[in-house]
Amino acid sequence: MIVTVALVAWARWWRQTGLVGPWRRRWWVLLPVGLLAVQLLFDLPGLLVRGDPTQLPLVLPLVALVGFCEETLTRGVMLYSLSRFGPLAAGLVTAAIFGVLHALGFLSGLPVSFLVVQMITAALLGLLFAGLRLRMISLWPLIAAHAVFDVPALLEGYPLHVQPLGLAAALFSISLVLPFGLAGLGLLLWAQLNRAGLSAPI
């Protein structure tokens, strides 16, 4: 967190990263709310069986920290840095980077089948969040959505108690996130066609 804040402070990109400034078109927040509702619906059975609510006081600060750092670096610093190449290219590249970064879970001993699904779903979420960032400008709704999205997995023991995924479970997990990723891609295409990006004055 210190490194993330120091980087933004050094570049003086508080406004460019969306940490300071307006929150426009607030109704777009319904997309991540829908995503969180879908996630909760399908995670609830596992959460009730394997979840440990006593870990919540430890989980909440962790997800807040991870949400802040990952969103600030990807949808803040990287998206703004790449915006001179156009919103579509910036969104695609940052989403790909976000997906690849989740391969670091290999160092935690995560099963390869789980890692592949996590990388794909992270890239799809990266598309959604990049598109929403261009519409809403403010980064804070995405930080909050990212943090909430991580809570169920951590309460269920991620990364220590992750099981390998079969093909059907993997395809099902990806299919849940795919419509949201496509919505993000649509927002990026709209921004590209309308020359609406972060490189323009905010």
N, C-alpha and C. Protein backbone atom coordinates (compact mmCIF):
# COMPACT_ATOMS: atom_id res chain seq x y z
N MET A 1 0.83 -1.20 0.00
CA MET A 1 0.00 0.00 0.00
C MET A 1 0.87 1.25 0.00
N ILE A 2 1.95 1.21 0.78
CA ILE A 2 2.85 2.36 0.84
C ILE A 2 3.46 2.62 -0.53
N VAL A 3 3.89 1.55 -1.20
CA VAL A 3 4.48 1.70 -2.54
C VAL A 3 3.45 2.25 -3.53
N THR A 4 2.22 1.75 -3.45
CA THR A 4 1.15 2.22 -4.36
C THR A 4 0.89 3.70 -4.17
N VAL A 5 0.70 4.12 -2.92
CA VAL A 5 0.44 5.54 -2.64
C VAL A 5 1.64 6.39 -3.02
N ALA A 6 2.85 5.89 -2.75
CA ALA A 6 4.06 6.64 -3.10
C ALA A 6 4.17 6.83 -4.60
N LEU A 7 3.82 5.80 -5.37
CA LEU A 7 3.87 5.90 -6.84
C LEU A 7 2.91 6.96 -7.36
N VAL A 8 1.68 6.95 -6.84
CA VAL A 8 0.69 7.94 -7.27
C VAL A 8 1.12 9.33 -6.84
N ALA A 9 1.65 9.46 -5.63
CA ALA A 9 2.09 10.76 -5.13
C ALA A 9 3.28 11.29 -5.94
N TRP A 10 4.21 10.41 -6.29
CA TRP A 10 5.37 10.82 -7.08
C TRP A 10 4.95 11.34 -8.45
N ALA A 11 3.99 10.65 -9.08
CA ALA A 11 3.51 11.06 -10.41
C ALA A 11 2.49 12.20 -10.32
N ARG A 12 1.98 12.45 -9.11
CA ARG A 12 0.93 13.45 -8.90
C ARG A 12 -0.31 13.12 -9.75
N TRP A 13 -0.66 11.86 -9.71
CA TRP A 13 -1.78 11.38 -10.52
C TRP A 13 -3.00 11.07 -9.66
N TRP A 14 -3.26 11.82 -8.64
CA TRP A 14 -4.42 11.58 -7.79
C TRP A 14 -5.70 11.64 -8.59
N ARG A 15 -5.83 12.66 -9.42
CA ARG A 15 -7.04 12.82 -10.22
C ARG A 15 -7.05 11.88 -11.42
N GLN A 16 -5.89 11.71 -12.05
CA GLN A 16 -5.79 10.86 -13.24
C GLN A 16 -6.09 9.39 -12.92
N THR A 17 -5.77 8.95 -11.71
CA THR A 17 -6.04 7.57 -11.34
C THR A 17 -7.45 7.37 -10.81
N GLY A 18 -8.18 8.46 -10.60
CA GLY A 18 -9.55 8.35 -10.12
C GLY A 18 -9.68 8.32 -8.61
N LEU A 19 -8.56 8.52 -7.90
CA LEU A 19 -8.63 8.55 -6.44
C LEU A 19 -9.20 9.86 -5.92
N VAL A 20 -9.07 10.89 -6.73
CA VAL A 20 -9.65 12.20 -6.42
C VAL A 20 -10.44 12.63 -7.64
N GLY A 21 -11.60 13.23 -7.42
CA GLY A 21 -12.39 13.72 -8.54
C GLY A 21 -13.81 13.21 -8.51
N PRO A 22 -14.54 13.48 -9.57
CA PRO A 22 -15.97 13.18 -9.57
C PRO A 22 -16.28 11.70 -9.75
N TRP A 23 -17.46 11.33 -9.30
CA TRP A 23 -18.02 10.01 -9.59
C TRP A 23 -19.21 10.26 -10.50
N ARG A 24 -19.01 10.02 -11.78
CA ARG A 24 -20.05 10.29 -12.78
C ARG A 24 -20.84 9.03 -13.10
N ARG A 25 -22.03 9.26 -13.66
CA ARG A 25 -22.88 8.16 -14.14
C ARG A 25 -22.96 7.03 -13.11
N ARG A 26 -23.42 7.39 -11.93
CA ARG A 26 -23.40 6.47 -10.80
C ARG A 26 -24.22 5.21 -11.01
N TRP A 27 -25.19 5.27 -11.90
CA TRP A 27 -26.03 4.08 -12.09
C TRP A 27 -25.28 2.93 -12.72
N TRP A 28 -24.09 3.19 -13.30
CA TRP A 28 -23.28 2.09 -13.84
C TRP A 28 -22.80 1.15 -12.74
N VAL A 29 -22.88 1.59 -11.50
CA VAL A 29 -22.46 0.73 -10.39
C VAL A 29 -23.37 -0.51 -10.29
N LEU A 30 -24.52 -0.48 -10.98
CA LEU A 30 -25.41 -1.64 -10.99
C LEU A 30 -24.74 -2.87 -11.62
N LEU A 31 -23.81 -2.65 -12.55
CA LEU A 31 -23.11 -3.79 -13.17
C LEU A 31 -22.28 -4.58 -12.14
N PRO A 32 -21.38 -3.91 -11.39
CA PRO A 32 -20.66 -4.70 -10.38
C PRO A 32 -21.56 -5.23 -9.27
N VAL A 33 -22.64 -4.51 -8.94
CA VAL A 33 -23.59 -5.01 -7.95
C VAL A 33 -24.23 -6.31 -8.46
N GLY A 34 -24.58 -6.35 -9.75
CA GLY A 34 -25.12 -7.57 -10.35
C GLY A 34 -24.12 -8.70 -10.31
N LEU A 35 -22.87 -8.39 -10.60
CA LEU A 35 -21.81 -9.39 -10.55
C LEU A 35 -21.68 -9.96 -9.14
N LEU A 36 -21.69 -9.09 -8.14
CA LEU A 36 -21.56 -9.53 -6.76
C LEU A 36 -22.75 -10.38 -6.33
N ALA A 37 -23.94 -10.03 -6.83
CA ALA A 37 -25.14 -10.81 -6.51
C ALA A 37 -25.04 -12.21 -7.10
N VAL A 38 -24.57 -12.31 -8.34
CA VAL A 38 -24.39 -13.62 -8.98
C VAL A 38 -23.36 -14.44 -8.22
N GLN A 39 -22.26 -13.80 -7.86
CA GLN A 39 -21.22 -14.50 -7.11
C GLN A 39 -21.74 -15.03 -5.78
N LEU A 40 -22.46 -14.18 -5.05
CA LEU A 40 -22.98 -14.59 -3.74
C LEU A 40 -23.99 -15.73 -3.88
N LEU A 41 -24.80 -15.66 -4.92
CA LEU A 41 -25.81 -16.70 -5.15
C LEU A 41 -25.17 -18.08 -5.30
N PHE A 42 -24.08 -18.13 -6.06
CA PHE A 42 -23.44 -19.42 -6.33
C PHE A 42 -22.39 -19.79 -5.29
N ASP A 43 -21.90 -18.82 -4.51
CA ASP A 43 -20.92 -19.12 -3.46
C ASP A 43 -21.57 -19.43 -2.13
N LEU A 44 -22.84 -19.08 -1.98
CA LEU A 44 -23.50 -19.21 -0.68
C LEU A 44 -23.48 -20.63 -0.11
N PRO A 45 -23.79 -21.67 -0.92
CA PRO A 45 -23.74 -23.02 -0.33
C PRO A 45 -22.37 -23.38 0.23
N GLY A 46 -21.31 -23.10 -0.53
CA GLY A 46 -19.95 -23.38 -0.05
C GLY A 46 -19.57 -22.53 1.14
N LEU A 47 -20.05 -21.29 1.12
CA LEU A 47 -19.75 -20.36 2.21
C LEU A 47 -20.39 -20.84 3.51
N LEU A 48 -21.61 -21.36 3.41
CA LEU A 48 -22.31 -21.86 4.60
C LEU A 48 -21.65 -23.11 5.16
N VAL A 49 -21.07 -23.93 4.27
CA VAL A 49 -20.45 -25.19 4.71
C VAL A 49 -19.01 -24.97 5.17
N ARG A 50 -18.23 -24.25 4.36
CA ARG A 50 -16.78 -24.13 4.63
C ARG A 50 -16.38 -22.77 5.19
N GLY A 51 -17.24 -21.79 5.12
CA GLY A 51 -16.89 -20.44 5.55
C GLY A 51 -16.65 -20.34 7.04
N ASP A 52 -15.71 -19.48 7.41
CA ASP A 52 -15.39 -19.26 8.82
C ASP A 52 -15.63 -17.79 9.14
N PRO A 53 -16.83 -17.45 9.65
CA PRO A 53 -17.14 -16.04 9.92
C PRO A 53 -16.25 -15.41 10.98
N THR A 54 -15.58 -16.21 11.79
CA THR A 54 -14.69 -15.64 12.81
C THR A 54 -13.47 -14.97 12.18
N GLN A 55 -13.20 -15.29 10.90
CA GLN A 55 -12.06 -14.69 10.19
C GLN A 55 -12.38 -13.32 9.60
N LEU A 56 -13.65 -12.91 9.68
CA LEU A 56 -14.07 -11.65 9.06
C LEU A 56 -13.26 -10.44 9.52
N PRO A 57 -12.95 -10.29 10.81
CA PRO A 57 -12.14 -9.13 11.23
C PRO A 57 -10.76 -9.08 10.58
N LEU A 58 -10.21 -10.24 10.22
CA LEU A 58 -8.92 -10.27 9.52
C LEU A 58 -9.09 -10.10 8.02
N VAL A 59 -10.18 -10.64 7.49
CA VAL A 59 -10.42 -10.62 6.05
C VAL A 59 -10.74 -9.21 5.55
N LEU A 60 -11.55 -8.46 6.28
CA LEU A 60 -11.99 -7.14 5.81
C LEU A 60 -10.83 -6.17 5.55
N PRO A 61 -9.87 -6.03 6.49
CA PRO A 61 -8.73 -5.14 6.18
C PRO A 61 -7.91 -5.65 5.00
N LEU A 62 -7.79 -6.99 4.88
CA LEU A 62 -7.00 -7.55 3.78
C LEU A 62 -7.64 -7.26 2.43
N VAL A 63 -8.97 -7.48 2.31
CA VAL A 63 -9.61 -7.23 1.02
C VAL A 63 -9.61 -5.75 0.68
N ALA A 64 -9.71 -4.89 1.70
CA ALA A 64 -9.64 -3.44 1.46
C ALA A 64 -8.27 -3.06 0.91
N LEU A 65 -7.24 -3.64 1.48
CA LEU A 65 -5.87 -3.38 1.04
C LEU A 65 -5.63 -3.88 -0.38
N VAL A 66 -6.03 -5.12 -0.63
CA VAL A 66 -5.85 -5.71 -1.97
C VAL A 66 -6.66 -4.95 -3.01
N GLY A 67 -7.92 -4.66 -2.69
CA GLY A 67 -8.76 -3.91 -3.63
C GLY A 67 -8.17 -2.56 -3.96
N PHE A 68 -7.70 -1.85 -2.95
CA PHE A 68 -7.11 -0.52 -3.19
C PHE A 68 -5.86 -0.62 -4.05
N CYS A 69 -4.95 -1.51 -3.68
CA CYS A 69 -3.67 -1.60 -4.41
C CYS A 69 -3.86 -2.09 -5.84
N GLU A 70 -4.61 -3.17 -6.03
CA GLU A 70 -4.76 -3.73 -7.38
C GLU A 70 -5.53 -2.78 -8.29
N GLU A 71 -6.58 -2.16 -7.79
CA GLU A 71 -7.35 -1.24 -8.64
C GLU A 71 -6.56 0.03 -8.94
N THR A 72 -5.85 0.55 -7.95
CA THR A 72 -5.06 1.77 -8.18
C THR A 72 -3.97 1.53 -9.21
N LEU A 73 -3.33 0.37 -9.14
CA LEU A 73 -2.24 0.09 -10.08
C LEU A 73 -2.74 -0.26 -11.47
N THR A 74 -3.83 -1.03 -11.57
CA THR A 74 -4.28 -1.47 -12.90
C THR A 74 -5.26 -0.48 -13.53
N ARG A 75 -6.40 -0.25 -12.87
CA ARG A 75 -7.40 0.67 -13.46
C ARG A 75 -7.09 2.13 -13.18
N GLY A 76 -6.08 2.40 -12.36
CA GLY A 76 -5.65 3.76 -12.10
C GLY A 76 -4.41 4.11 -12.90
N VAL A 77 -3.25 3.68 -12.41
CA VAL A 77 -1.97 4.04 -13.02
C VAL A 77 -1.83 3.48 -14.44
N MET A 78 -2.01 2.15 -14.61
CA MET A 78 -1.78 1.53 -15.92
C MET A 78 -2.78 2.01 -16.96
N LEU A 79 -4.06 2.04 -16.59
CA LEU A 79 -5.08 2.45 -17.57
C LEU A 79 -4.86 3.88 -18.03
N TYR A 80 -4.51 4.75 -17.09
CA TYR A 80 -4.24 6.14 -17.47
C TYR A 80 -2.97 6.24 -18.32
N SER A 81 -1.93 5.49 -17.92
CA SER A 81 -0.65 5.53 -18.67
C SER A 81 -0.83 5.08 -20.11
N LEU A 82 -1.68 4.08 -20.32
CA LEU A 82 -1.87 3.51 -21.66
C LEU A 82 -2.99 4.20 -22.44
N SER A 83 -3.67 5.14 -21.82
CA SER A 83 -4.84 5.76 -22.47
C SER A 83 -4.48 6.53 -23.73
N ARG A 84 -3.21 6.91 -23.89
CA ARG A 84 -2.82 7.62 -25.12
C ARG A 84 -2.92 6.72 -26.35
N PHE A 85 -2.98 5.39 -26.14
CA PHE A 85 -3.14 4.46 -27.25
C PHE A 85 -4.61 4.19 -27.56
N GLY A 86 -5.49 4.84 -26.83
CA GLY A 86 -6.93 4.65 -27.03
C GLY A 86 -7.52 3.81 -25.92
N PRO A 87 -8.79 4.04 -25.60
CA PRO A 87 -9.41 3.31 -24.49
C PRO A 87 -9.50 1.80 -24.71
N LEU A 88 -9.71 1.37 -25.95
CA LEU A 88 -9.84 -0.06 -26.21
C LEU A 88 -8.51 -0.77 -25.96
N ALA A 89 -7.44 -0.25 -26.52
CA ALA A 89 -6.12 -0.86 -26.31
C ALA A 89 -5.73 -0.82 -24.84
N ALA A 90 -5.96 0.31 -24.19
CA ALA A 90 -5.62 0.44 -22.76
C ALA A 90 -6.39 -0.55 -21.92
N GLY A 91 -7.69 -0.70 -22.20
CA GLY A 91 -8.52 -1.64 -21.45
C GLY A 91 -8.12 -3.08 -21.68
N LEU A 92 -7.84 -3.45 -22.94
CA LEU A 92 -7.44 -4.83 -23.25
C LEU A 92 -6.10 -5.18 -22.60
N VAL A 93 -5.15 -4.27 -22.68
CA VAL A 93 -3.81 -4.54 -22.13
C VAL A 93 -3.87 -4.65 -20.60
N THR A 94 -4.57 -3.72 -19.96
CA THR A 94 -4.64 -3.78 -18.49
C THR A 94 -5.40 -5.01 -18.02
N ALA A 95 -6.43 -5.41 -18.76
CA ALA A 95 -7.17 -6.63 -18.40
C ALA A 95 -6.27 -7.86 -18.55
N ALA A 96 -5.48 -7.90 -19.62
CA ALA A 96 -4.56 -9.03 -19.82
C ALA A 96 -3.51 -9.08 -18.72
N ILE A 97 -2.96 -7.92 -18.36
CA ILE A 97 -1.97 -7.87 -17.28
C ILE A 97 -2.58 -8.34 -15.97
N PHE A 98 -3.81 -7.88 -15.70
CA PHE A 98 -4.50 -8.26 -14.48
C PHE A 98 -4.70 -9.78 -14.43
N GLY A 99 -5.05 -10.38 -15.56
CA GLY A 99 -5.20 -11.83 -15.62
C GLY A 99 -3.88 -12.55 -15.38
N VAL A 100 -2.83 -12.11 -16.04
CA VAL A 100 -1.51 -12.75 -15.93
C VAL A 100 -0.96 -12.62 -14.51
N LEU A 101 -1.21 -11.49 -13.85
CA LEU A 101 -0.72 -11.31 -12.49
C LEU A 101 -1.27 -12.38 -11.53
N HIS A 102 -2.46 -12.89 -11.85
CA HIS A 102 -3.03 -13.92 -10.99
C HIS A 102 -2.33 -15.27 -11.15
N ALA A 103 -1.44 -15.38 -12.14
CA ALA A 103 -0.63 -16.60 -12.27
C ALA A 103 0.35 -16.73 -11.11
N LEU A 104 0.58 -15.62 -10.39
CA LEU A 104 1.48 -15.68 -9.24
C LEU A 104 0.94 -16.60 -8.15
N GLY A 105 -0.34 -16.94 -8.24
CA GLY A 105 -0.91 -17.91 -7.31
C GLY A 105 -0.22 -19.26 -7.39
N PHE A 106 0.50 -19.51 -8.48
CA PHE A 106 1.25 -20.76 -8.63
C PHE A 106 2.27 -20.89 -7.50
N LEU A 107 2.82 -19.74 -7.07
CA LEU A 107 3.81 -19.75 -5.99
C LEU A 107 3.18 -20.15 -4.65
N SER A 108 1.86 -19.99 -4.54
CA SER A 108 1.15 -20.39 -3.31
C SER A 108 0.70 -21.84 -3.37
N GLY A 109 1.03 -22.53 -4.47
CA GLY A 109 0.67 -23.93 -4.60
C GLY A 109 -0.75 -24.17 -5.07
N LEU A 110 -1.37 -23.18 -5.70
CA LEU A 110 -2.73 -23.36 -6.19
C LEU A 110 -2.75 -24.37 -7.34
N PRO A 111 -3.80 -25.20 -7.43
CA PRO A 111 -3.90 -26.16 -8.54
C PRO A 111 -3.93 -25.43 -9.89
N VAL A 112 -3.31 -26.02 -10.89
CA VAL A 112 -3.23 -25.39 -12.21
C VAL A 112 -4.61 -25.14 -12.80
N SER A 113 -5.53 -26.10 -12.62
CA SER A 113 -6.87 -25.93 -13.18
C SER A 113 -7.56 -24.71 -12.56
N PHE A 114 -7.38 -24.52 -11.27
CA PHE A 114 -7.97 -23.36 -10.60
C PHE A 114 -7.30 -22.08 -11.08
N LEU A 115 -5.97 -22.12 -11.23
CA LEU A 115 -5.22 -20.94 -11.67
C LEU A 115 -5.66 -20.47 -13.05
N VAL A 116 -5.85 -21.41 -13.98
CA VAL A 116 -6.26 -21.04 -15.34
C VAL A 116 -7.61 -20.34 -15.31
N VAL A 117 -8.56 -20.89 -14.54
CA VAL A 117 -9.88 -20.27 -14.42
C VAL A 117 -9.76 -18.90 -13.77
N GLN A 118 -8.94 -18.80 -12.73
CA GLN A 118 -8.76 -17.52 -12.04
C GLN A 118 -8.17 -16.47 -12.97
N MET A 119 -7.21 -16.85 -13.81
CA MET A 119 -6.61 -15.90 -14.75
C MET A 119 -7.63 -15.42 -15.78
N ILE A 120 -8.44 -16.35 -16.29
CA ILE A 120 -9.45 -15.97 -17.29
C ILE A 120 -10.51 -15.07 -16.68
N THR A 121 -11.02 -15.44 -15.50
CA THR A 121 -12.06 -14.63 -14.87
C THR A 121 -11.51 -13.27 -14.44
N ALA A 122 -10.24 -13.24 -14.01
CA ALA A 122 -9.63 -11.96 -13.64
C ALA A 122 -9.52 -11.05 -14.86
N ALA A 123 -9.15 -11.61 -16.01
CA ALA A 123 -9.07 -10.81 -17.24
C ALA A 123 -10.45 -10.28 -17.64
N LEU A 124 -11.48 -11.12 -17.50
CA LEU A 124 -12.84 -10.67 -17.82
C LEU A 124 -13.29 -9.56 -16.87
N LEU A 125 -12.98 -9.72 -15.59
CA LEU A 125 -13.29 -8.66 -14.62
C LEU A 125 -12.49 -7.40 -14.93
N GLY A 126 -11.27 -7.58 -15.41
CA GLY A 126 -10.45 -6.44 -15.80
C GLY A 126 -11.09 -5.64 -16.93
N LEU A 127 -11.71 -6.34 -17.89
CA LEU A 127 -12.43 -5.65 -18.98
C LEU A 127 -13.61 -4.86 -18.42
N LEU A 128 -14.38 -5.51 -17.53
CA LEU A 128 -15.54 -4.84 -16.94
C LEU A 128 -15.11 -3.60 -16.17
N PHE A 129 -14.11 -3.75 -15.32
CA PHE A 129 -13.70 -2.64 -14.46
C PHE A 129 -13.05 -1.51 -15.27
N ALA A 130 -12.33 -1.85 -16.34
CA ALA A 130 -11.75 -0.81 -17.19
C ALA A 130 -12.85 -0.01 -17.88
N GLY A 131 -13.86 -0.72 -18.41
CA GLY A 131 -14.98 -0.03 -19.05
C GLY A 131 -15.73 0.85 -18.08
N LEU A 132 -15.95 0.36 -16.86
CA LEU A 132 -16.66 1.14 -15.85
C LEU A 132 -15.84 2.34 -15.40
N ARG A 133 -14.55 2.18 -15.32
CA ARG A 133 -13.67 3.30 -14.93
C ARG A 133 -13.80 4.45 -15.92
N LEU A 134 -13.88 4.12 -17.21
CA LEU A 134 -14.02 5.16 -18.23
C LEU A 134 -15.37 5.85 -18.14
N ARG A 135 -16.39 5.13 -17.69
CA ARG A 135 -17.73 5.71 -17.58
C ARG A 135 -17.91 6.50 -16.30
N MET A 136 -17.38 5.96 -15.18
CA MET A 136 -17.65 6.57 -13.88
C MET A 136 -16.55 7.51 -13.41
N ILE A 137 -15.36 7.42 -14.00
CA ILE A 137 -14.18 8.22 -13.67
C ILE A 137 -13.61 7.85 -12.29
N SER A 138 -14.43 7.89 -11.25
CA SER A 138 -13.94 7.58 -9.90
C SER A 138 -13.53 6.12 -9.79
N LEU A 139 -12.43 5.88 -9.09
CA LEU A 139 -11.92 4.53 -8.89
C LEU A 139 -12.55 3.86 -7.66
N TRP A 140 -13.12 4.64 -6.77
CA TRP A 140 -13.57 4.11 -5.48
C TRP A 140 -14.67 3.05 -5.59
N PRO A 141 -15.65 3.19 -6.50
CA PRO A 141 -16.64 2.10 -6.62
C PRO A 141 -16.01 0.77 -7.02
N LEU A 142 -14.96 0.83 -7.85
CA LEU A 142 -14.29 -0.39 -8.28
C LEU A 142 -13.45 -1.00 -7.16
N ILE A 143 -12.84 -0.14 -6.35
CA ILE A 143 -12.09 -0.62 -5.19
C ILE A 143 -13.03 -1.37 -4.24
N ALA A 144 -14.20 -0.77 -4.00
CA ALA A 144 -15.18 -1.40 -3.10
C ALA A 144 -15.68 -2.72 -3.67
N ALA A 145 -16.01 -2.74 -4.97
CA ALA A 145 -16.51 -3.97 -5.60
C ALA A 145 -15.45 -5.06 -5.58
N HIS A 146 -14.22 -4.69 -5.86
CA HIS A 146 -13.11 -5.66 -5.85
C HIS A 146 -12.96 -6.27 -4.45
N ALA A 147 -13.01 -5.41 -3.43
CA ALA A 147 -12.85 -5.89 -2.05
C ALA A 147 -13.97 -6.87 -1.68
N VAL A 148 -15.21 -6.50 -1.99
CA VAL A 148 -16.35 -7.37 -1.65
C VAL A 148 -16.27 -8.69 -2.41
N PHE A 149 -15.81 -8.63 -3.66
CA PHE A 149 -15.70 -9.83 -4.50
C PHE A 149 -14.75 -10.87 -3.88
N ASP A 150 -13.72 -10.39 -3.17
CA ASP A 150 -12.71 -11.30 -2.61
C ASP A 150 -13.12 -11.93 -1.28
N VAL A 151 -14.12 -11.37 -0.62
CA VAL A 151 -14.47 -11.82 0.74
C VAL A 151 -14.85 -13.29 0.81
N PRO A 152 -15.79 -13.80 -0.02
CA PRO A 152 -16.20 -15.21 0.15
C PRO A 152 -15.04 -16.21 0.03
N ALA A 153 -14.16 -16.00 -0.96
CA ALA A 153 -13.05 -16.94 -1.16
C ALA A 153 -12.14 -16.98 0.07
N LEU A 154 -11.86 -15.82 0.64
CA LEU A 154 -10.98 -15.79 1.81
C LEU A 154 -11.64 -16.42 3.04
N LEU A 155 -12.93 -16.22 3.17
CA LEU A 155 -13.65 -16.86 4.29
C LEU A 155 -13.68 -18.37 4.15
N GLU A 156 -13.60 -18.86 2.89
CA GLU A 156 -13.59 -20.31 2.65
C GLU A 156 -12.17 -20.89 2.70
N GLY A 157 -11.17 -20.07 3.00
CA GLY A 157 -9.82 -20.60 3.19
C GLY A 157 -8.86 -20.43 2.04
N TYR A 158 -9.19 -19.56 1.07
CA TYR A 158 -8.26 -19.29 -0.04
C TYR A 158 -7.01 -18.64 0.54
N PRO A 159 -5.81 -19.03 0.10
CA PRO A 159 -5.48 -20.00 -0.95
C PRO A 159 -5.14 -21.40 -0.41
N LEU A 160 -5.28 -21.62 0.89
CA LEU A 160 -4.82 -22.88 1.49
C LEU A 160 -5.73 -24.06 1.19
N HIS A 161 -7.03 -23.81 1.04
CA HIS A 161 -7.98 -24.92 0.90
C HIS A 161 -8.67 -24.90 -0.46
N VAL A 162 -7.90 -24.68 -1.51
CA VAL A 162 -8.45 -24.64 -2.87
C VAL A 162 -8.30 -26.01 -3.52
N GLN A 163 -9.38 -26.51 -4.10
CA GLN A 163 -9.38 -27.82 -4.76
C GLN A 163 -9.25 -27.65 -6.28
N PRO A 164 -8.67 -28.63 -6.96
CA PRO A 164 -8.63 -28.58 -8.44
C PRO A 164 -10.05 -28.54 -9.01
N LEU A 165 -10.19 -27.90 -10.16
CA LEU A 165 -11.50 -27.79 -10.81
C LEU A 165 -11.59 -28.75 -11.98
N GLY A 166 -12.73 -29.43 -12.08
CA GLY A 166 -12.99 -30.24 -13.26
C GLY A 166 -13.41 -29.35 -14.42
N LEU A 167 -13.49 -29.92 -15.61
CA LEU A 167 -13.81 -29.14 -16.79
C LEU A 167 -15.18 -28.46 -16.68
N ALA A 168 -16.18 -29.19 -16.21
CA ALA A 168 -17.53 -28.63 -16.10
C ALA A 168 -17.56 -27.47 -15.12
N ALA A 169 -16.91 -27.62 -13.96
CA ALA A 169 -16.88 -26.55 -12.96
C ALA A 169 -16.11 -25.34 -13.49
N ALA A 170 -15.03 -25.60 -14.23
CA ALA A 170 -14.24 -24.51 -14.79
C ALA A 170 -15.05 -23.71 -15.81
N LEU A 171 -15.71 -24.41 -16.71
CA LEU A 171 -16.53 -23.73 -17.73
C LEU A 171 -17.69 -22.97 -17.09
N PHE A 172 -18.26 -23.56 -16.06
CA PHE A 172 -19.37 -22.89 -15.36
C PHE A 172 -18.89 -21.60 -14.70
N SER A 173 -17.74 -21.64 -14.04
CA SER A 173 -17.19 -20.45 -13.38
C SER A 173 -16.92 -19.33 -14.39
N ILE A 174 -16.35 -19.71 -15.53
CA ILE A 174 -16.05 -18.71 -16.56
C ILE A 174 -17.34 -18.15 -17.15
N SER A 175 -18.33 -19.03 -17.35
CA SER A 175 -19.60 -18.57 -17.96
C SER A 175 -20.34 -17.58 -17.08
N LEU A 176 -20.15 -17.65 -15.77
CA LEU A 176 -20.79 -16.69 -14.87
C LEU A 176 -20.24 -15.28 -15.05
N VAL A 177 -18.94 -15.19 -15.33
CA VAL A 177 -18.27 -13.89 -15.43
C VAL A 177 -18.26 -13.36 -16.87
N LEU A 178 -18.40 -14.26 -17.84
CA LEU A 178 -18.29 -13.89 -19.25
C LEU A 178 -19.22 -12.74 -19.66
N PRO A 179 -20.51 -12.74 -19.29
CA PRO A 179 -21.37 -11.62 -19.71
C PRO A 179 -20.89 -10.28 -19.18
N PHE A 180 -20.32 -10.28 -17.98
CA PHE A 180 -19.83 -9.02 -17.40
C PHE A 180 -18.57 -8.55 -18.12
N GLY A 181 -17.71 -9.50 -18.50
CA GLY A 181 -16.54 -9.14 -19.29
C GLY A 181 -16.92 -8.59 -20.65
N LEU A 182 -17.92 -9.20 -21.29
CA LEU A 182 -18.39 -8.71 -22.58
C LEU A 182 -19.02 -7.32 -22.45
N ALA A 183 -19.71 -7.08 -21.33
CA ALA A 183 -20.26 -5.74 -21.09
C ALA A 183 -19.13 -4.72 -20.97
N GLY A 184 -18.06 -5.10 -20.29
CA GLY A 184 -16.90 -4.21 -20.19
C GLY A 184 -16.27 -3.96 -21.54
N LEU A 185 -16.16 -5.00 -22.37
CA LEU A 185 -15.63 -4.84 -23.72
C LEU A 185 -16.51 -3.89 -24.53
N GLY A 186 -17.82 -4.01 -24.37
CA GLY A 186 -18.74 -3.09 -25.05
C GLY A 186 -18.53 -1.65 -24.62
N LEU A 187 -18.30 -1.43 -23.34
CA LEU A 187 -18.05 -0.07 -22.84
C LEU A 187 -16.74 0.48 -23.41
N LEU A 188 -15.73 -0.39 -23.52
CA LEU A 188 -14.45 0.05 -24.10
C LEU A 188 -14.61 0.40 -25.58
N LEU A 189 -15.37 -0.42 -26.31
CA LEU A 189 -15.63 -0.13 -27.73
C LEU A 189 -16.39 1.17 -27.89
N TRP A 190 -17.38 1.39 -27.03
CA TRP A 190 -18.15 2.64 -27.06
C TRP A 190 -17.22 3.83 -26.84
N ALA A 191 -16.34 3.70 -25.83
CA ALA A 191 -15.39 4.80 -25.54
C ALA A 191 -14.45 5.03 -26.72
N GLN A 192 -14.02 3.95 -27.37
CA GLN A 192 -13.13 4.08 -28.53
C GLN A 192 -13.82 4.79 -29.68
N LEU A 193 -15.05 4.40 -29.98
CA LEU A 193 -15.80 5.00 -31.09
C LEU A 193 -16.17 6.45 -30.83
N ASN A 194 -16.36 6.78 -29.55
CA ASN A 194 -16.76 8.15 -29.19
C ASN A 194 -15.61 9.00 -28.68
N ARG A 195 -14.42 8.47 -28.82
CA ARG A 195 -13.20 9.19 -28.40
C ARG A 195 -13.31 9.67 -26.96
N ALA A 196 -13.88 8.83 -26.11
CA ALA A 196 -14.02 9.16 -24.70
C ALA A 196 -13.01 8.34 -23.91
N GLY A 197 -12.01 8.98 -23.38
CA GLY A 197 -11.00 8.25 -22.63
C GLY A 197 -10.43 9.08 -21.51
N LEU A 198 -9.48 8.49 -20.79
CA LEU A 198 -8.88 9.18 -19.65
C LEU A 198 -7.83 10.18 -20.07
N SER A 199 -7.37 10.12 -21.33
CA SER A 199 -6.36 11.08 -21.76
C SER A 199 -6.98 12.45 -22.02
N ALA A 200 -8.32 12.47 -22.21
CA ALA A 200 -9.00 13.75 -22.35
C ALA A 200 -9.09 14.42 -20.98
N PRO A 201 -9.24 15.75 -20.93
CA PRO A 201 -9.34 16.41 -19.64
C PRO A 201 -10.48 15.83 -18.82
N ILE A 202 -10.22 15.54 -17.55
CA ILE A 202 -11.23 14.97 -16.67
C ILE A 202 -11.93 16.11 -15.93
